[in-house]
PDB file of N, CA and C in Angstrom:
ATOM      1  N   UNK A   1      -2.645  45.098-188.299  1.00  0.00           N
ATOM      2  CA  UNK A   1      -2.833  46.349-187.659  1.00  0.00           C
ATOM      3  C   UNK A   1      -3.130  46.067-186.176  1.00  0.00           C
ATOM      4  N   UNK A   2      -2.452  46.800-185.210  1.00  0.00           N
ATOM      5  CA  UNK A   2      -2.636  46.628-183.846  1.00  0.00           C
ATOM      6  C   UNK A   2      -3.809  47.586-183.389  1.00  0.00           C
ATOM      7  N   UNK A   3      -4.721  47.050-182.618  1.00  0.00           N
ATOM      8  CA  UNK A   3      -5.820  47.971-182.156  1.00  0.00           C
ATOM      9  C   UNK A   3      -5.707  48.090-180.669  1.00  0.00           C
ATOM     10  N   UNK A   4      -5.983  49.353-180.203  1.00  0.00           N
ATOM     11  CA  UNK A   4      -5.958  49.619-178.756  1.00  0.00           C
ATOM     12  C   UNK A   4      -7.175  50.623-178.408  1.00  0.00           C
ATOM     13  N   UNK A   5      -7.600  50.497-177.266  1.00  0.00           N
ATOM     14  CA  UNK A   5      -8.655  51.332-176.829  1.00  0.00           C
ATOM     15  C   UNK A   5      -8.065  52.545-176.298  1.00  0.00           C
ATOM     16  N   UNK A   6      -8.537  53.775-176.915  1.00  0.00           N
ATOM     17  CA  UNK A   6      -7.894  55.051-176.591  1.00  0.00           C
ATOM     18  C   UNK A   6      -8.847  55.885-175.751  1.00  0.00           C
ATOM     19  N   UNK A   7     -10.096  55.759-175.879  1.00  0.00           N
ATOM     20  CA  UNK A   7     -11.070  56.490-175.011  1.00  0.00           C
ATOM     21  C   UNK A   7     -11.616  55.424-174.016  1.00  0.00           C
ATOM     22  N   UNK A   8     -11.416  55.679-172.699  1.00  0.00           N
ATOM     23  CA  UNK A   8     -11.769  54.477-171.789  1.00  0.00           C
ATOM     24  C   UNK A   8     -13.205  54.031-171.961  1.00  0.00           C
ATOM     25  N   UNK A   9     -14.148  54.902-172.022  1.00  0.00           N
ATOM     26  CA  UNK A   9     -15.516  54.490-172.037  1.00  0.00           C
ATOM     27  C   UNK A   9     -16.363  55.729-172.388  1.00  0.00           C
ATOM     28  N   UNK A  10     -17.328  55.553-173.298  1.00  0.00           N
ATOM     29  CA  UNK A  10     -18.257  56.626-173.585  1.00  0.00           C
ATOM     30  C   UNK A  10     -19.451  56.403-172.562  1.00  0.00           C
ATOM     31  N   UNK A  11     -19.458  57.063-171.564  1.00  0.00           N
ATOM     32  CA  UNK A  11     -20.436  56.913-170.418  1.00  0.00           C
ATOM     33  C   UNK A  11     -21.882  57.050-170.833  1.00  0.00           C
ATOM     34  N   UNK A  12     -22.689  56.340-170.193  1.00  0.00           N
ATOM     35  CA  UNK A  12     -24.151  56.328-170.338  1.00  0.00           C
ATOM     36  C   UNK A  12     -24.745  57.558-169.621  1.00  0.00           C
ATOM     37  N   UNK A  13     -23.953  58.183-168.735  1.00  0.00           N
ATOM     38  CA  UNK A  13     -24.474  59.246-167.926  1.00  0.00           C
ATOM     39  C   UNK A  13     -25.123  60.358-168.725  1.00  0.00           C
ATOM     40  N   UNK A  14     -26.265  60.613-168.582  1.00  0.00           N
ATOM     41  CA  UNK A  14     -27.001  61.679-169.348  1.00  0.00           C
ATOM     42  C   UNK A  14     -27.195  61.344-170.810  1.00  0.00           C
ATOM     43  N   UNK A  15     -26.983  60.159-171.265  1.00  0.00           N
ATOM     44  CA  UNK A  15     -27.137  59.756-172.611  1.00  0.00           C
ATOM     45  C   UNK A  15     -28.018  58.532-172.771  1.00  0.00           C
ATOM     46  N   UNK A  16     -28.551  58.350-173.929  1.00  0.00           N
ATOM     47  CA  UNK A  16     -29.339  57.221-174.264  1.00  0.00           C
ATOM     48  C   UNK A  16     -28.339  56.125-174.803  1.00  0.00           C
ATOM     49  N   UNK A  17     -28.746  54.828-174.674  1.00  0.00           N
ATOM     50  CA  UNK A  17     -27.922  53.746-175.073  1.00  0.00           C
ATOM     51  C   UNK A  17     -28.556  53.207-176.438  1.00  0.00           C
ATOM     52  N   UNK A  18     -27.780  52.352-177.130  1.00  0.00           N
ATOM     53  CA  UNK A  18     -28.277  51.739-178.335  1.00  0.00           C
ATOM     54  C   UNK A  18     -29.453  50.863-178.011  1.00  0.00           C
ATOM     55  N   UNK A  19     -29.393  50.165-176.886  1.00  0.00           N
ATOM     56  CA  UNK A  19     -30.518  49.294-176.515  1.00  0.00           C
ATOM     57  C   UNK A  19     -31.797  50.030-176.262  1.00  0.00           C
ATOM     58  N   UNK A  20     -31.656  51.215-175.694  1.00  0.00           N
ATOM     59  CA  UNK A  20     -32.836  52.059-175.456  1.00  0.00           C
ATOM     60  C   UNK A  20     -33.432  52.549-176.742  1.00  0.00           C
ATOM     61  N   UNK A  21     -32.505  52.897-177.709  1.00  0.00           N
ATOM     62  CA  UNK A  21     -33.061  53.276-179.052  1.00  0.00           C
ATOM     63  C   UNK A  21     -33.755  52.133-179.703  1.00  0.00           C
ATOM     64  N   UNK A  22     -33.158  50.899-179.647  1.00  0.00           N
ATOM     65  CA  UNK A  22     -33.838  49.757-180.131  1.00  0.00           C
ATOM     66  C   UNK A  22     -35.167  49.489-179.552  1.00  0.00           C
ATOM     67  N   UNK A  23     -35.280  49.615-178.259  1.00  0.00           N
ATOM     68  CA  UNK A  23     -36.619  49.433-177.559  1.00  0.00           C
ATOM     69  C   UNK A  23     -37.584  50.547-178.006  1.00  0.00           C
ATOM     70  N   UNK A  24     -37.100  51.802-178.053  1.00  0.00           N
ATOM     71  CA  UNK A  24     -38.032  52.836-178.478  1.00  0.00           C
ATOM     72  C   UNK A  24     -38.692  52.707-179.768  1.00  0.00           C
ATOM     73  N   UNK A  25     -37.842  52.190-180.799  1.00  0.00           N
ATOM     74  CA  UNK A  25     -38.385  52.045-182.158  1.00  0.00           C
ATOM     75  C   UNK A  25     -38.643  50.550-182.493  1.00  0.00           C
ATOM     76  N   UNK A  26     -38.582  49.710-181.567  1.00  0.00           N
ATOM     77  CA  UNK A  26     -38.844  48.242-181.615  1.00  0.00           C
ATOM     78  C   UNK A  26     -37.970  47.691-182.838  1.00  0.00           C
ATOM     79  N   UNK A  27     -36.691  47.945-182.719  1.00  0.00           N
ATOM     80  CA  UNK A  27     -35.763  47.434-183.703  1.00  0.00           C
ATOM     81  C   UNK A  27     -34.921  46.288-183.134  1.00  0.00           C
ATOM     82  N   UNK A  28     -34.726  45.262-183.954  1.00  0.00           N
ATOM     83  CA  UNK A  28     -33.826  44.190-183.561  1.00  0.00           C
ATOM     84  C   UNK A  28     -32.400  44.495-183.861  1.00  0.00           C
ATOM     85  N   UNK A  29     -31.485  43.695-183.471  1.00  0.00           N
ATOM     86  CA  UNK A  29     -30.029  43.784-183.744  1.00  0.00           C
ATOM     87  C   UNK A  29     -29.912  43.798-185.296  1.00  0.00           C
ATOM     88  N   UNK A  30     -30.517  42.839-185.928  1.00  0.00           N
ATOM     89  CA  UNK A  30     -30.494  42.762-187.394  1.00  0.00           C
ATOM     90  C   UNK A  30     -31.073  43.897-188.144  1.00  0.00           C
ATOM     91  N   UNK A  31     -32.213  44.434-187.610  1.00  0.00           N
ATOM     92  CA  UNK A  31     -32.735  45.645-188.189  1.00  0.00           C
ATOM     93  C   UNK A  31     -31.774  46.816-188.173  1.00  0.00           C
ATOM     94  N   UNK A  32     -31.190  47.068-187.007  1.00  0.00           N
ATOM     95  CA  UNK A  32     -30.218  48.167-186.917  1.00  0.00           C
ATOM     96  C   UNK A  32     -28.976  47.893-187.811  1.00  0.00           C
ATOM     97  N   UNK A  33     -28.498  46.689-187.842  1.00  0.00           N
ATOM     98  CA  UNK A  33     -27.426  46.327-188.790  1.00  0.00           C
ATOM     99  C   UNK A  33     -27.798  46.627-190.316  1.00  0.00           C
ATOM    100  N   UNK A  34     -28.995  46.341-190.610  1.00  0.00           N
ATOM    101  CA  UNK A  34     -29.409  46.600-191.959  1.00  0.00           C
ATOM    102  C   UNK A  34     -29.541  48.158-192.255  1.00  0.00           C
ATOM    103  N   UNK A  35     -29.980  48.832-191.280  1.00  0.00           N
ATOM    104  CA  UNK A  35     -30.162  50.317-191.432  1.00  0.00           C
ATOM    105  C   UNK A  35     -28.739  50.925-191.589  1.00  0.00           C
ATOM    106  N   UNK A  36     -27.831  50.448-190.742  1.00  0.00           N
ATOM    107  CA  UNK A  36     -26.484  51.041-190.717  1.00  0.00           C
ATOM    108  C   UNK A  36     -25.513  50.488-191.719  1.00  0.00           C
ATOM    109  N   UNK A  37     -25.978  49.450-192.465  1.00  0.00           N
ATOM    110  CA  UNK A  37     -25.025  48.817-193.481  1.00  0.00           C
ATOM    111  C   UNK A  37     -23.863  48.149-192.894  1.00  0.00           C
ATOM    112  N   UNK A  38     -24.044  47.462-191.716  1.00  0.00           N
ATOM    113  CA  UNK A  38     -22.901  46.829-191.056  1.00  0.00           C
ATOM    114  C   UNK A  38     -23.427  45.393-190.793  1.00  0.00           C
ATOM    115  N   UNK A  39     -22.508  44.532-190.416  1.00  0.00           N
ATOM    116  CA  UNK A  39     -22.897  43.139-190.031  1.00  0.00           C
ATOM    117  C   UNK A  39     -23.570  43.206-188.612  1.00  0.00           C
ATOM    118  N   UNK A  40     -24.361  42.242-188.362  1.00  0.00           N
ATOM    119  CA  UNK A  40     -25.103  42.239-187.109  1.00  0.00           C
ATOM    120  C   UNK A  40     -24.126  41.956-185.963  1.00  0.00           C
ATOM    121  N   UNK A  41     -22.972  41.362-186.134  1.00  0.00           N
ATOM    122  CA  UNK A  41     -22.013  41.169-185.118  1.00  0.00           C
ATOM    123  C   UNK A  41     -21.445  42.524-184.636  1.00  0.00           C
ATOM    124  N   UNK A  42     -21.436  43.492-185.467  1.00  0.00           N
ATOM    125  CA  UNK A  42     -20.854  44.897-185.115  1.00  0.00           C
ATOM    126  C   UNK A  42     -21.900  45.516-184.189  1.00  0.00           C
ATOM    127  N   UNK A  43     -23.181  45.356-184.488  1.00  0.00           N
ATOM    128  CA  UNK A  43     -24.238  45.983-183.667  1.00  0.00           C
ATOM    129  C   UNK A  43     -24.252  45.244-182.288  1.00  0.00           C
ATOM    130  N   UNK A  44     -24.143  43.895-182.332  1.00  0.00           N
ATOM    131  CA  UNK A  44     -24.100  43.197-181.061  1.00  0.00           C
ATOM    132  C   UNK A  44     -22.944  43.664-180.178  1.00  0.00           C
ATOM    133  N   UNK A  45     -21.785  43.882-180.791  1.00  0.00           N
ATOM    134  CA  UNK A  45     -20.625  44.342-180.055  1.00  0.00           C
ATOM    135  C   UNK A  45     -20.952  45.703-179.354  1.00  0.00           C
ATOM    136  N   UNK A  46     -21.622  46.564-180.153  1.00  0.00           N
ATOM    137  CA  UNK A  46     -22.003  47.888-179.640  1.00  0.00           C
ATOM    138  C   UNK A  46     -23.040  47.787-178.461  1.00  0.00           C
ATOM    139  N   UNK A  47     -23.936  46.855-178.679  1.00  0.00           N
ATOM    140  CA  UNK A  47     -25.060  46.604-177.644  1.00  0.00           C
ATOM    141  C   UNK A  47     -24.428  46.104-176.360  1.00  0.00           C
ATOM    142  N   UNK A  48     -23.327  45.336-176.421  1.00  0.00           N
ATOM    143  CA  UNK A  48     -22.731  44.818-175.251  1.00  0.00           C
ATOM    144  C   UNK A  48     -21.649  45.783-174.640  1.00  0.00           C
ATOM    145  N   UNK A  49     -21.513  46.933-175.288  1.00  0.00           N
ATOM    146  CA  UNK A  49     -20.544  47.830-174.722  1.00  0.00           C
ATOM    147  C   UNK A  49     -19.104  47.566-175.196  1.00  0.00           C
ATOM    148  N   UNK A  50     -18.997  46.771-176.277  1.00  0.00           N
ATOM    149  CA  UNK A  50     -17.658  46.441-176.783  1.00  0.00           C
ATOM    150  C   UNK A  50     -16.949  47.577-177.554  1.00  0.00           C
ATOM    151  N   UNK A  51     -15.686  47.460-177.760  1.00  0.00           N
ATOM    152  CA  UNK A  51     -14.960  48.549-178.432  1.00  0.00           C
ATOM    153  C   UNK A  51     -15.163  48.445-179.970  1.00  0.00           C
ATOM    154  N   UNK A  52     -15.313  49.622-180.603  1.00  0.00           N
ATOM    155  CA  UNK A  52     -15.463  49.681-182.063  1.00  0.00           C
ATOM    156  C   UNK A  52     -14.668  50.903-182.513  1.00  0.00           C
ATOM    157  N   UNK A  53     -14.249  50.847-183.794  1.00  0.00           N
ATOM    158  CA  UNK A  53     -13.607  52.066-184.420  1.00  0.00           C
ATOM    159  C   UNK A  53     -14.608  53.237-184.398  1.00  0.00           C
ATOM    160  N   UNK A  54     -14.079  54.442-184.139  1.00  0.00           N
ATOM    161  CA  UNK A  54     -14.984  55.597-184.018  1.00  0.00           C
ATOM    162  C   UNK A  54     -15.730  55.778-185.371  1.00  0.00           C
ATOM    163  N   UNK A  55     -15.200  55.472-186.490  1.00  0.00           N
ATOM    164  CA  UNK A  55     -15.915  55.694-187.811  1.00  0.00           C
ATOM    165  C   UNK A  55     -17.084  54.810-187.879  1.00  0.00           C
ATOM    166  N   UNK A  56     -17.015  53.586-187.384  1.00  0.00           N
ATOM    167  CA  UNK A  56     -18.147  52.678-187.404  1.00  0.00           C
ATOM    168  C   UNK A  56     -19.248  53.088-186.483  1.00  0.00           C
ATOM    169  N   UNK A  57     -18.911  53.571-185.277  1.00  0.00           N
ATOM    170  CA  UNK A  57     -19.923  54.021-184.342  1.00  0.00           C
ATOM    171  C   UNK A  57     -20.571  55.328-184.936  1.00  0.00           C
ATOM    172  N   UNK A  58     -19.795  56.188-185.570  1.00  0.00           N
ATOM    173  CA  UNK A  58     -20.457  57.333-186.149  1.00  0.00           C
ATOM    174  C   UNK A  58     -21.394  56.934-187.285  1.00  0.00           C
ATOM    175  N   UNK A  59     -21.006  55.962-188.116  1.00  0.00           N
ATOM    176  CA  UNK A  59     -21.830  55.468-189.219  1.00  0.00           C
ATOM    177  C   UNK A  59     -23.110  54.894-188.714  1.00  0.00           C
ATOM    178  N   UNK A  60     -23.077  54.072-187.646  1.00  0.00           N
ATOM    179  CA  UNK A  60     -24.264  53.478-187.129  1.00  0.00           C
ATOM    180  C   UNK A  60     -25.208  54.617-186.601  1.00  0.00           C
ATOM    181  N   UNK A  61     -24.701  55.525-185.871  1.00  0.00           N
ATOM    182  CA  UNK A  61     -25.465  56.590-185.220  1.00  0.00           C
ATOM    183  C   UNK A  61     -26.041  57.566-186.313  1.00  0.00           C
ATOM    184  N   UNK A  62     -25.250  57.813-187.346  1.00  0.00           N
ATOM    185  CA  UNK A  62     -25.692  58.690-188.440  1.00  0.00           C
ATOM    186  C   UNK A  62     -26.852  58.071-189.137  1.00  0.00           C
ATOM    187  N   UNK A  63     -26.761  56.797-189.495  1.00  0.00           N
ATOM    188  CA  UNK A  63     -27.894  56.128-190.167  1.00  0.00           C
ATOM    189  C   UNK A  63     -29.134  56.023-189.240  1.00  0.00           C
ATOM    190  N   UNK A  64     -29.011  55.813-187.958  1.00  0.00           N
ATOM    191  CA  UNK A  64     -30.151  55.776-187.007  1.00  0.00           C
ATOM    192  C   UNK A  64     -30.767  57.154-187.012  1.00  0.00           C
ATOM    193  N   UNK A  65     -29.972  58.165-187.053  1.00  0.00           N
ATOM    194  CA  UNK A  65     -30.459  59.588-187.119  1.00  0.00           C
ATOM    195  C   UNK A  65     -31.278  59.777-188.311  1.00  0.00           C
ATOM    196  N   UNK A  66     -30.744  59.465-189.468  1.00  0.00           N
ATOM    197  CA  UNK A  66     -31.430  59.618-190.725  1.00  0.00           C
ATOM    198  C   UNK A  66     -32.761  58.916-190.743  1.00  0.00           C
ATOM    199  N   UNK A  67     -32.793  57.688-190.237  1.00  0.00           N
ATOM    200  CA  UNK A  67     -34.027  56.871-190.321  1.00  0.00           C
ATOM    201  C   UNK A  67     -35.062  57.350-189.277  1.00  0.00           C
ATOM    202  N   UNK A  68     -34.583  57.710-188.045  1.00  0.00           N
ATOM    203  CA  UNK A  68     -35.604  58.145-187.072  1.00  0.00           C
ATOM    204  C   UNK A  68     -35.968  59.640-186.967  1.00  0.00           C
ATOM    205  N   UNK A  69     -35.085  60.464-187.589  1.00  0.00           N
ATOM    206  CA  UNK A  69     -35.310  61.874-187.473  1.00  0.00           C
ATOM    207  C   UNK A  69     -34.768  62.508-186.131  1.00  0.00           C
ATOM    208  N   UNK A  70     -34.110  61.658-185.350  1.00  0.00           N
ATOM    209  CA  UNK A  70     -33.538  62.157-184.002  1.00  0.00           C
ATOM    210  C   UNK A  70     -32.062  62.365-184.231  1.00  0.00           C
ATOM    211  N   UNK A  71     -31.486  63.109-183.228  1.00  0.00           N
ATOM    212  CA  UNK A  71     -30.030  63.452-183.350  1.00  0.00           C
ATOM    213  C   UNK A  71     -29.337  62.392-182.411  1.00  0.00           C
ATOM    214  N   UNK A  72     -28.842  61.327-183.093  1.00  0.00           N
ATOM    215  CA  UNK A  72     -27.986  60.321-182.353  1.00  0.00           C
ATOM    216  C   UNK A  72     -26.577  60.457-182.845  1.00  0.00           C
ATOM    217  N   UNK A  73     -25.781  60.781-181.911  1.00  0.00           N
ATOM    218  CA  UNK A  73     -24.277  60.962-182.118  1.00  0.00           C
ATOM    219  C   UNK A  73     -23.461  60.498-180.897  1.00  0.00           C
ATOM    220  N   UNK A  74     -22.230  60.643-181.029  1.00  0.00           N
ATOM    221  CA  UNK A  74     -21.380  60.236-179.859  1.00  0.00           C
ATOM    222  C   UNK A  74     -21.576  61.148-178.707  1.00  0.00           C
ATOM    223  N   UNK A  75     -22.164  62.309-178.933  1.00  0.00           N
ATOM    224  CA  UNK A  75     -22.501  63.244-177.760  1.00  0.00           C
ATOM    225  C   UNK A  75     -23.777  62.870-177.106  1.00  0.00           C
ATOM    226  N   UNK A  76     -24.630  62.164-177.834  1.00  0.00           N
ATOM    227  CA  UNK A  76     -25.965  61.870-177.207  1.00  0.00           C
ATOM    228  C   UNK A  76     -26.120  60.406-176.982  1.00  0.00           C
ATOM    229  N   UNK A  77     -25.349  59.529-177.392  1.00  0.00           N
ATOM    230  CA  UNK A  77     -25.496  58.058-177.174  1.00  0.00           C
ATOM    231  C   UNK A  77     -24.236  57.583-176.474  1.00  0.00           C
ATOM    232  N   UNK A  78     -24.381  56.787-175.386  1.00  0.00           N
ATOM    233  CA  UNK A  78     -23.308  56.312-174.616  1.00  0.00           C
ATOM    234  C   UNK A  78     -23.368  54.805-174.390  1.00  0.00           C
ATOM    235  N   UNK A  79     -22.454  54.244-173.628  1.00  0.00           N
ATOM    236  CA  UNK A  79     -22.408  52.793-173.271  1.00  0.00           C
ATOM    237  C   UNK A  79     -21.552  51.948-174.108  1.00  0.00           C
ATOM    238  N   UNK A  80     -20.465  52.418-174.636  1.00  0.00           N
ATOM    239  CA  UNK A  80     -19.563  51.655-175.507  1.00  0.00           C
ATOM    240  C   UNK A  80     -18.156  52.217-175.420  1.00  0.00           C
ATOM    241  N   UNK A  81     -17.177  51.448-175.922  1.00  0.00           N
ATOM    242  CA  UNK A  81     -15.784  51.745-175.948  1.00  0.00           C
ATOM    243  C   UNK A  81     -15.366  52.159-177.353  1.00  0.00           C
ATOM    244  N   UNK A  82     -14.421  53.001-177.455  1.00  0.00           N
ATOM    245  CA  UNK A  82     -13.819  53.369-178.807  1.00  0.00           C
ATOM    246  C   UNK A  82     -12.473  52.830-178.899  1.00  0.00           C
ATOM    247  N   UNK A  83     -12.144  52.308-180.097  1.00  0.00           N
ATOM    248  CA  UNK A  83     -10.726  51.785-180.303  1.00  0.00           C
ATOM    249  C   UNK A  83     -10.134  52.597-181.414  1.00  0.00           C
ATOM    250  N   UNK A  84      -8.852  52.560-181.464  1.00  0.00           N
ATOM    251  CA  UNK A  84      -8.068  53.269-182.474  1.00  0.00           C
ATOM    252  C   UNK A  84      -7.176  52.250-183.163  1.00  0.00           C
ATOM    253  N   UNK A  85      -7.234  52.310-184.465  1.00  0.00           N
ATOM    254  CA  UNK A  85      -6.233  51.390-185.277  1.00  0.00           C
ATOM    255  C   UNK A  85      -4.933  52.040-185.367  1.00  0.00           C
ATOM    256  N   UNK A  86      -3.884  51.282-185.169  1.00  0.00           N
ATOM    257  CA  UNK A  86      -2.556  51.778-185.315  1.00  0.00           C
ATOM    258  C   UNK A  86      -1.876  50.922-186.376  1.00  0.00           C
ATOM    259  N   UNK A  87      -1.092  51.602-187.198  1.00  0.00           N
ATOM    260  CA  UNK A  87      -0.374  50.845-188.218  1.00  0.00           C
ATOM    261  C   UNK A  87       0.872  50.227-187.759  1.00  0.00           C
TER     262      UNK A  87
END
């Protein structure tokens, strides 16, 4: 499958970043990975602003919301790229 970035960048403007969430709750990369049921390399990619499939980003943010009781979604968290898988 070919991957391409379809949304240039989910801006940090007016939004919290994953790193800020980690600092707020004193969570490590591995802790967030465990919470979100993904590999730590996926969280590292998101922390660095790397591109990820939209479903993976939504899963991470949904799980963080469930654990913290806060609303973390693509509308409230920024600082990363979204990629689209093409067949």
